[in-house]
Amino acid sequence: MKDAAPTSDACPFCEFPQVSEPMAQNGTFYAKYDTYPVSAGHVLLIPRRHIASFFEMSKKERDDFFDLLLRVREAIQEGFKPDGFNIGVNIGLAAGQTVMHLHVHLIPRYFGDVEHPQGGVRRIIPNKVLYPPQMP
């Protein structure tokens, strides 16, 4: 894999390009449908280079990431017709990262997929979600 740091066999994202064709790709990133989707059309955007954090991306990788994000969003919009999107990335064990290879979730959202979607990503820590904030 070009421009990839050596990795262990345990990294599923380093192995994926040799196993199957991505749903979309560009110079430094590829996109694949999530193996455990939370909604129809859930996609992961993954750098080819083995890095753990969003903050380790080079300028080229950032440019390619945003280019691919917009292209994949258009494809999901056409194919699945969602009502909205969440973009999420877990950085570090405390944030819930379980695969230490950067991957960004593009999650289509649909009216009715949860009873009260207000607060969106703020619901990551449920007991801190007060949204909108309650005034004293």
Protein backbone atom coordinates (compact mmCIF):
# COMPACT_ATOMS: atom_id res chain seq x y z
CA MET A 1 0.00 0.00 0.00
CA LYS A 2 1.59 3.28 -1.10
CA ASP A 3 2.47 5.82 1.62
CA ALA A 4 1.36 3.49 4.41
CA ALA A 5 3.37 3.05 7.56
CA PRO A 6 4.11 -0.54 8.56
CA THR A 7 1.22 -1.95 10.56
CA SER A 8 0.29 -5.12 12.33
CA ASP A 9 -2.05 -7.64 10.77
CA ALA A 10 -4.59 -6.56 13.40
CA CYS A 11 -5.49 -3.30 11.65
CA PRO A 12 -8.66 -3.94 9.66
CA PHE A 13 -8.39 -0.64 7.80
CA CYS A 14 -4.89 -1.29 6.51
CA GLU A 15 -6.02 -4.68 5.22
CA PHE A 16 -9.30 -3.53 3.61
CA PRO A 17 -7.89 -2.14 0.33
CA GLN A 18 -6.35 -5.51 -0.49
CA VAL A 19 -9.57 -7.37 0.34
CA SER A 20 -12.23 -5.41 -1.54
CA GLU A 21 -12.88 -2.34 -3.64
CA PRO A 22 -13.81 0.80 -1.69
CA MET A 23 -17.10 2.53 -2.51
CA ALA A 24 -15.10 5.71 -3.28
CA GLN A 25 -11.48 6.83 -3.05
CA ASN A 26 -8.94 9.48 -3.92
CA GLY A 27 -5.21 9.97 -3.46
CA THR A 28 -4.87 9.40 0.28
CA PHE A 29 -8.33 8.29 1.49
CA TYR A 30 -10.86 5.59 0.76
CA ALA A 31 -14.46 5.16 1.85
CA LYS A 32 -16.30 1.97 2.71
CA TYR A 33 -19.70 1.14 4.08
CA ASP A 34 -19.49 0.50 7.82
CA THR A 35 -19.54 -3.19 8.74
CA TYR A 36 -21.77 -2.36 11.73
CA PRO A 37 -23.89 0.53 10.40
CA VAL A 38 -26.06 2.57 12.72
CA SER A 39 -28.22 3.62 9.77
CA ALA A 40 -28.65 2.82 6.08
CA GLY A 41 -25.74 4.31 4.13
CA HIS A 42 -23.33 4.68 7.11
CA VAL A 43 -19.84 5.13 5.61
CA LEU A 44 -16.31 5.29 7.03
CA LEU A 45 -13.66 7.57 5.48
CA ILE A 46 -10.22 6.11 6.13
CA PRO A 47 -6.71 7.35 5.30
CA ARG A 48 -4.48 4.88 3.48
CA ARG A 49 -1.60 5.91 5.73
CA HIS A 50 -1.77 4.30 9.16
CA ILE A 51 -2.33 7.19 11.58
CA ALA A 52 -4.34 7.10 14.78
CA SER A 53 -5.68 10.64 15.04
CA PHE A 54 -7.54 13.19 12.95
CA PHE A 55 -4.91 15.69 14.10
CA GLU A 56 -2.06 13.70 12.51
CA MET A 57 -3.28 14.28 8.95
CA SER A 58 -1.04 16.12 6.53
CA LYS A 59 -2.40 19.05 4.52
CA LYS A 60 -2.80 16.77 1.49
CA GLU A 61 -4.71 14.23 3.59
CA ARG A 62 -6.98 16.98 4.98
CA ASP A 63 -7.69 18.24 1.47
CA ASP A 64 -8.38 14.71 0.20
CA PHE A 65 -10.54 13.97 3.25
CA PHE A 66 -12.82 16.95 2.68
CA ASP A 67 -12.98 16.28 -1.06
CA LEU A 68 -14.00 12.67 -0.47
CA LEU A 69 -16.41 13.60 2.33
CA LEU A 70 -18.35 15.84 -0.06
CA ARG A 71 -18.35 13.22 -2.83
CA VAL A 72 -19.51 10.45 -0.50
CA ARG A 73 -22.20 12.67 0.99
CA GLU A 74 -23.57 13.28 -2.51
CA ALA A 75 -23.59 9.53 -3.24
CA ILE A 76 -25.39 8.78 0.02
CA GLN A 77 -27.87 11.58 -0.63
CA GLU A 78 -28.69 10.14 -4.06
CA GLY A 79 -28.77 6.49 -2.98
CA PHE A 80 -30.39 6.64 0.45
CA LYS A 81 -32.20 10.03 0.59
CA PRO A 82 -31.46 10.80 4.26
CA ASP A 83 -32.93 13.80 6.05
CA GLY A 84 -29.62 14.82 7.67
CA PHE A 85 -26.12 13.66 8.62
CA ASN A 86 -23.80 13.30 11.59
CA ILE A 87 -20.04 13.37 11.08
CA GLY A 88 -18.12 11.72 13.89
CA VAL A 89 -14.59 10.78 14.81
CA ASN A 90 -13.38 9.14 18.01
CA ILE A 91 -9.87 10.26 18.97
CA GLY A 92 -8.27 8.25 21.76
CA LEU A 93 -9.45 5.57 24.16
CA ALA A 94 -11.29 8.07 26.39
CA ALA A 95 -13.38 9.10 23.37
CA GLY A 96 -14.24 5.50 22.51
CA GLN A 97 -11.73 4.84 19.73
CA THR A 98 -11.38 1.06 19.43
CA VAL A 99 -9.44 0.80 16.15
CA MET A 100 -6.29 2.91 16.38
CA HIS A 101 -6.38 3.85 12.71
CA LEU A 102 -8.17 7.11 11.97
CA HIS A 103 -11.65 6.63 10.57
CA VAL A 104 -14.40 9.22 10.24
CA HIS A 105 -18.04 8.20 10.34
CA LEU A 106 -20.51 9.80 7.94
CA ILE A 107 -23.85 8.72 9.35
CA PRO A 108 -27.06 9.43 7.43
CA ARG A 109 -29.95 10.41 9.68
CA TYR A 110 -33.64 9.92 9.03
CA PHE A 111 -36.67 11.53 10.63
CA GLY A 112 -37.94 9.04 13.19
CA ASP A 113 -34.66 7.08 13.59
CA VAL A 114 -34.61 8.29 17.21
CA GLU A 115 -37.46 9.81 19.16
CA HIS A 116 -35.71 13.09 20.07
CA PRO A 117 -32.67 13.88 17.89
CA GLN A 118 -32.14 17.32 19.47
CA GLY A 119 -28.62 17.72 20.76
CA GLY A 120 -27.14 15.37 18.15
CA VAL A 121 -23.52 14.60 19.01
CA ARG A 122 -23.97 16.27 22.41
CA ARG A 123 -25.71 13.02 23.45
CA ILE A 124 -22.36 11.22 23.56
CA ILE A 125 -22.37 11.79 27.33
CA PRO A 126 -26.08 11.25 28.12
CA ASN A 127 -26.18 12.80 31.60
CA LYS A 128 -24.58 16.00 30.24
CA VAL A 129 -26.89 16.41 27.28
CA LEU A 130 -29.21 19.12 28.63
CA TYR A 131 -30.10 20.68 25.30
CA PRO A 132 -31.14 23.33 25.11
CA PRO A 133 -29.54 24.26 28.42
CA GLN A 134 -32.01 24.64 31.28
CA MET A 135 -32.03 28.19 32.63
CA PRO A 136 -31.98 28.57 36.45
